[in-house]
Structures are given as structure tokens and as C-alpha cells.
Amino acid sequence: MKKSQALDYPASTRATLKPARGADAQLDHLEYMITSFVNSTEIAPLGCLDRPYWRMRLRVLSEENDLVSVQRARVLKLLDMLDQTERKTGPEQEAA
């Protein structure tokens, strides 16, 4: 999944999205957890909570919430962090 795809959705679905104000707490949590994941020296720092899991969480957040530009930037920054760790450690199998 490309980063831009995580933030694209048809205009017709915009009315069904959750308000942006509810996404900040989730973004705070994801920033904390993904930063911990990226900075960990362990091979599997959080067990089954691997890169595909965190990408899925970011995708769901962006699909279910009407994010404002600052929030979209935070999501893209987190996706970049995950991409950087993948380049350092190698790709993982994406969950089907």
C-alpha cells in the first residue's frame, strides 16, 4: 500500500467519517507505540505487533476519520518511520 492510498477516500464517504477531533488520542497512542517499535533493539519488540500491524492501524485510522491536514501529516510521518525501519531490517510478510 502506498502512503497516499492510506489517506485517499471518495468524497461520498466523507459524510460517514468520524470527526477529526477523536483521532488525536489515537494518533498520540500510535506515535508513542510506533516510536517505541522503531527504536527497539529487540528483533520482535512487541510480539505480533509488527510493521504490517502498525500500517493496518494507520490505514484504519485514516479511513474511519475525517483527518485534518496536520493529522494527515502525522500519519505520513509514522508511515515514513515504518518504511525507514523496513529499509534497515528488511521487509516482513504483509498480512493477507
N, C-alpha and C. Protein backbone atom coordinates (compact mmCIF):
# COMPACT_ATOMS: atom_id res chain seq x y z
N MET A 1 0.84 -1.16 0.00
CA MET A 1 0.00 0.00 0.00
C MET A 1 0.89 1.24 0.00
N LYS A 2 0.63 2.14 -0.93
CA LYS A 2 1.37 3.39 -0.95
C LYS A 2 0.83 4.32 0.12
N LYS A 3 1.70 5.22 0.59
CA LYS A 3 1.29 6.12 1.66
C LYS A 3 0.11 6.98 1.26
N SER A 4 0.08 7.44 0.02
CA SER A 4 -1.02 8.30 -0.40
C SER A 4 -2.35 7.55 -0.42
N GLN A 5 -2.31 6.25 -0.67
CA GLN A 5 -3.53 5.47 -0.67
C GLN A 5 -4.16 5.39 0.71
N ALA A 6 -3.35 5.47 1.74
CA ALA A 6 -3.87 5.40 3.10
C ALA A 6 -4.72 6.61 3.44
N LEU A 7 -4.57 7.70 2.68
CA LEU A 7 -5.27 8.93 3.01
C LEU A 7 -6.31 9.31 1.97
N ASP A 8 -6.45 8.54 0.91
CA ASP A 8 -7.42 8.83 -0.13
C ASP A 8 -8.73 8.10 0.14
N TYR A 9 -9.85 8.83 0.00
CA TYR A 9 -11.16 8.21 0.09
C TYR A 9 -12.13 9.04 -0.72
N PRO A 10 -13.14 8.40 -1.29
CA PRO A 10 -14.09 9.12 -2.12
C PRO A 10 -14.84 10.19 -1.31
N ALA A 11 -15.20 11.27 -1.98
CA ALA A 11 -15.92 12.36 -1.32
C ALA A 11 -17.27 11.88 -0.77
N SER A 12 -17.87 10.88 -1.40
CA SER A 12 -19.17 10.38 -0.95
C SER A 12 -19.10 9.74 0.44
N THR A 13 -17.94 9.26 0.82
CA THR A 13 -17.81 8.63 2.14
C THR A 13 -17.47 9.63 3.23
N ARG A 14 -17.13 10.85 2.85
CA ARG A 14 -16.71 11.86 3.83
C ARG A 14 -17.78 12.07 4.91
N ALA A 15 -19.06 12.02 4.52
CA ALA A 15 -20.15 12.26 5.48
C ALA A 15 -20.25 11.15 6.52
N THR A 16 -19.72 9.98 6.23
CA THR A 16 -19.82 8.86 7.17
C THR A 16 -18.59 8.75 8.08
N LEU A 17 -17.61 9.60 7.86
CA LEU A 17 -16.39 9.53 8.66
C LEU A 17 -16.60 10.13 10.04
N LYS A 18 -15.80 9.63 10.98
CA LYS A 18 -15.81 10.17 12.35
C LYS A 18 -15.14 11.54 12.33
N PRO A 19 -15.51 12.42 13.25
CA PRO A 19 -14.87 13.74 13.30
C PRO A 19 -13.39 13.66 13.64
N ALA A 20 -12.63 14.60 13.14
CA ALA A 20 -11.18 14.62 13.32
C ALA A 20 -10.77 14.73 14.78
N ARG A 21 -11.59 15.38 15.60
CA ARG A 21 -11.18 15.62 16.99
C ARG A 21 -10.97 14.31 17.77
N GLY A 22 -11.63 13.24 17.36
CA GLY A 22 -11.47 11.96 18.04
C GLY A 22 -10.20 11.21 17.66
N ALA A 23 -9.54 11.65 16.59
CA ALA A 23 -8.36 10.93 16.10
C ALA A 23 -7.09 11.30 16.85
N ASP A 24 -7.08 12.44 17.53
CA ASP A 24 -5.85 12.88 18.18
C ASP A 24 -5.37 11.91 19.26
N ALA A 25 -6.27 11.40 20.06
CA ALA A 25 -5.86 10.45 21.10
C ALA A 25 -5.28 9.18 20.48
N GLN A 26 -5.90 8.71 19.40
CA GLN A 26 -5.38 7.53 18.72
C GLN A 26 -4.01 7.82 18.10
N LEU A 27 -3.87 8.99 17.51
CA LEU A 27 -2.58 9.36 16.94
C LEU A 27 -1.50 9.47 18.00
N ASP A 28 -1.85 10.04 19.16
CA ASP A 28 -0.89 10.11 20.26
C ASP A 28 -0.41 8.72 20.64
N HIS A 29 -1.34 7.79 20.77
CA HIS A 29 -1.00 6.41 21.13
C HIS A 29 -0.14 5.77 20.04
N LEU A 30 -0.54 5.93 18.78
CA LEU A 30 0.22 5.32 17.69
C LEU A 30 1.62 5.92 17.59
N GLU A 31 1.75 7.21 17.81
CA GLU A 31 3.08 7.83 17.78
C GLU A 31 3.96 7.24 18.88
N TYR A 32 3.42 7.08 20.06
CA TYR A 32 4.18 6.50 21.17
C TYR A 32 4.60 5.07 20.85
N MET A 33 3.64 4.26 20.41
CA MET A 33 3.91 2.85 20.18
C MET A 33 4.83 2.63 18.98
N ILE A 34 4.60 3.33 17.90
CA ILE A 34 5.44 3.15 16.71
C ILE A 34 6.86 3.65 16.98
N THR A 35 7.00 4.75 17.71
CA THR A 35 8.33 5.22 18.09
C THR A 35 9.04 4.18 18.95
N SER A 36 8.32 3.58 19.89
CA SER A 36 8.90 2.51 20.71
C SER A 36 9.31 1.32 19.85
N PHE A 37 8.45 0.96 18.90
CA PHE A 37 8.72 -0.16 18.00
C PHE A 37 9.97 0.12 17.16
N VAL A 38 10.04 1.31 16.59
CA VAL A 38 11.15 1.68 15.72
C VAL A 38 12.47 1.75 16.49
N ASN A 39 12.42 2.26 17.71
CA ASN A 39 13.64 2.44 18.49
C ASN A 39 14.07 1.19 19.26
N SER A 40 13.28 0.14 19.24
CA SER A 40 13.61 -1.07 19.98
C SER A 40 14.79 -1.79 19.33
N THR A 41 15.63 -2.35 20.16
CA THR A 41 16.77 -3.13 19.66
C THR A 41 16.44 -4.62 19.60
N GLU A 42 15.28 -4.99 20.09
CA GLU A 42 14.87 -6.40 20.04
C GLU A 42 14.40 -6.75 18.64
N ILE A 43 14.53 -8.02 18.29
CA ILE A 43 14.08 -8.48 16.97
C ILE A 43 12.57 -8.39 16.84
N ALA A 44 11.86 -8.83 17.84
CA ALA A 44 10.39 -8.75 17.85
C ALA A 44 9.97 -8.04 19.13
N PRO A 45 10.11 -6.70 19.18
CA PRO A 45 9.91 -5.99 20.43
C PRO A 45 8.51 -6.10 21.02
N LEU A 46 7.52 -6.21 20.18
CA LEU A 46 6.15 -6.24 20.68
C LEU A 46 5.41 -7.49 20.20
N GLY A 47 6.12 -8.57 20.03
CA GLY A 47 5.48 -9.82 19.63
C GLY A 47 4.86 -9.73 18.25
N CYS A 48 3.57 -9.96 18.17
CA CYS A 48 2.88 -9.97 16.87
C CYS A 48 2.55 -8.56 16.38
N LEU A 49 2.90 -7.54 17.14
CA LEU A 49 2.64 -6.16 16.73
C LEU A 49 3.79 -5.69 15.85
N ASP A 50 3.79 -6.15 14.60
CA ASP A 50 4.87 -5.89 13.67
C ASP A 50 4.51 -4.74 12.72
N ARG A 51 5.37 -4.48 11.75
CA ARG A 51 5.13 -3.38 10.81
C ARG A 51 3.79 -3.50 10.10
N PRO A 52 3.41 -4.67 9.58
CA PRO A 52 2.09 -4.76 8.93
C PRO A 52 0.94 -4.39 9.89
N TYR A 53 1.07 -4.76 11.15
CA TYR A 53 0.03 -4.41 12.12
C TYR A 53 -0.08 -2.90 12.27
N TRP A 54 1.06 -2.21 12.43
CA TRP A 54 1.04 -0.76 12.63
C TRP A 54 0.56 -0.04 11.38
N ARG A 55 0.93 -0.56 10.20
CA ARG A 55 0.41 0.02 8.95
C ARG A 55 -1.11 -0.12 8.88
N MET A 56 -1.59 -1.29 9.28
CA MET A 56 -3.03 -1.53 9.27
C MET A 56 -3.73 -0.55 10.21
N ARG A 57 -3.17 -0.34 11.40
CA ARG A 57 -3.77 0.60 12.36
C ARG A 57 -3.83 2.01 11.77
N LEU A 58 -2.77 2.44 11.11
CA LEU A 58 -2.76 3.76 10.49
C LEU A 58 -3.75 3.86 9.35
N ARG A 59 -3.86 2.79 8.56
CA ARG A 59 -4.82 2.78 7.46
C ARG A 59 -6.25 2.88 7.98
N VAL A 60 -6.57 2.11 9.00
CA VAL A 60 -7.92 2.14 9.58
C VAL A 60 -8.22 3.52 10.15
N LEU A 61 -7.26 4.09 10.85
CA LEU A 61 -7.45 5.44 11.41
C LEU A 61 -7.75 6.45 10.31
N SER A 62 -7.00 6.38 9.23
CA SER A 62 -7.20 7.35 8.15
C SER A 62 -8.48 7.09 7.36
N GLU A 63 -8.93 5.84 7.31
CA GLU A 63 -10.16 5.52 6.58
C GLU A 63 -11.41 5.84 7.39
N GLU A 64 -11.33 5.80 8.70
CA GLU A 64 -12.52 5.97 9.54
C GLU A 64 -12.71 7.39 10.06
N ASN A 65 -11.69 8.23 9.92
CA ASN A 65 -11.75 9.58 10.48
C ASN A 65 -11.54 10.63 9.39
N ASP A 66 -12.22 11.75 9.54
CA ASP A 66 -12.08 12.86 8.62
C ASP A 66 -10.90 13.71 9.09
N LEU A 67 -9.69 13.25 8.79
CA LEU A 67 -8.48 13.86 9.31
C LEU A 67 -8.23 15.24 8.69
N VAL A 68 -7.75 16.15 9.53
CA VAL A 68 -7.32 17.46 9.04
C VAL A 68 -5.88 17.34 8.57
N SER A 69 -5.37 18.36 7.92
CA SER A 69 -4.05 18.28 7.30
C SER A 69 -2.93 17.96 8.30
N VAL A 70 -3.00 18.51 9.49
CA VAL A 70 -1.97 18.23 10.50
C VAL A 70 -2.00 16.75 10.89
N GLN A 71 -3.18 16.20 11.03
CA GLN A 71 -3.31 14.79 11.38
C GLN A 71 -2.82 13.90 10.24
N ARG A 72 -3.14 14.28 8.99
CA ARG A 72 -2.66 13.50 7.85
C ARG A 72 -1.13 13.53 7.81
N ALA A 73 -0.54 14.67 8.14
CA ALA A 73 0.92 14.77 8.17
C ALA A 73 1.50 13.85 9.24
N ARG A 74 0.83 13.75 10.38
CA ARG A 74 1.30 12.85 11.44
C ARG A 74 1.25 11.40 10.97
N VAL A 75 0.18 11.03 10.26
CA VAL A 75 0.07 9.66 9.73
C VAL A 75 1.20 9.39 8.75
N LEU A 76 1.45 10.33 7.84
CA LEU A 76 2.52 10.15 6.85
C LEU A 76 3.88 10.04 7.52
N LYS A 77 4.11 10.82 8.57
CA LYS A 77 5.37 10.74 9.31
C LYS A 77 5.55 9.35 9.93
N LEU A 78 4.47 8.80 10.50
CA LEU A 78 4.55 7.47 11.09
C LEU A 78 4.79 6.41 10.02
N LEU A 79 4.15 6.54 8.86
CA LEU A 79 4.40 5.60 7.77
C LEU A 79 5.86 5.69 7.31
N ASP A 80 6.41 6.90 7.26
CA ASP A 80 7.82 7.06 6.91
C ASP A 80 8.73 6.37 7.92
N MET A 81 8.40 6.51 9.19
CA MET A 81 9.19 5.85 10.23
C MET A 81 9.20 4.34 10.02
N LEU A 82 8.04 3.78 9.72
CA LEU A 82 7.95 2.33 9.49
C LEU A 82 8.73 1.93 8.24
N ASP A 83 8.65 2.76 7.19
CA ASP A 83 9.40 2.48 5.97
C ASP A 83 10.91 2.49 6.22
N GLN A 84 11.36 3.43 7.04
CA GLN A 84 12.80 3.52 7.33
C GLN A 84 13.29 2.28 8.08
N THR A 85 12.49 1.77 9.01
CA THR A 85 12.92 0.56 9.72
C THR A 85 12.91 -0.63 8.79
N GLU A 86 11.99 -0.64 7.82
CA GLU A 86 11.94 -1.75 6.88
C GLU A 86 13.19 -1.75 6.00
N ARG A 87 13.64 -0.58 5.61
CA ARG A 87 14.87 -0.50 4.80
C ARG A 87 16.08 -0.97 5.60
N LYS A 88 16.08 -0.71 6.91
CA LYS A 88 17.20 -1.12 7.75
C LYS A 88 17.19 -2.61 8.05
N THR A 89 16.00 -3.18 8.30
CA THR A 89 15.92 -4.56 8.76
C THR A 89 15.41 -5.53 7.71
N GLY A 90 14.87 -5.05 6.61
CA GLY A 90 14.32 -5.91 5.59
C GLY A 90 12.82 -6.01 5.69
N PRO A 91 12.17 -6.42 4.59
CA PRO A 91 10.70 -6.49 4.57
C PRO A 91 10.16 -7.65 5.39
N GLU A 92 8.96 -7.46 5.88
CA GLU A 92 8.23 -8.53 6.56
C GLU A 92 7.09 -8.95 5.66
N GLN A 93 6.59 -10.13 5.89
CA GLN A 93 5.43 -10.59 5.14
C GLN A 93 4.23 -9.76 5.53
N GLU A 94 3.54 -9.18 4.54
CA GLU A 94 2.31 -8.44 4.81
C GLU A 94 1.21 -9.43 5.14
N ALA A 95 0.40 -9.10 6.13
CA ALA A 95 -0.73 -9.96 6.49
C ALA A 95 -1.75 -9.93 5.37
N ALA A 96 -2.31 -11.09 5.05
CA ALA A 96 -3.30 -11.17 3.98
C ALA A 96 -4.66 -10.72 4.44
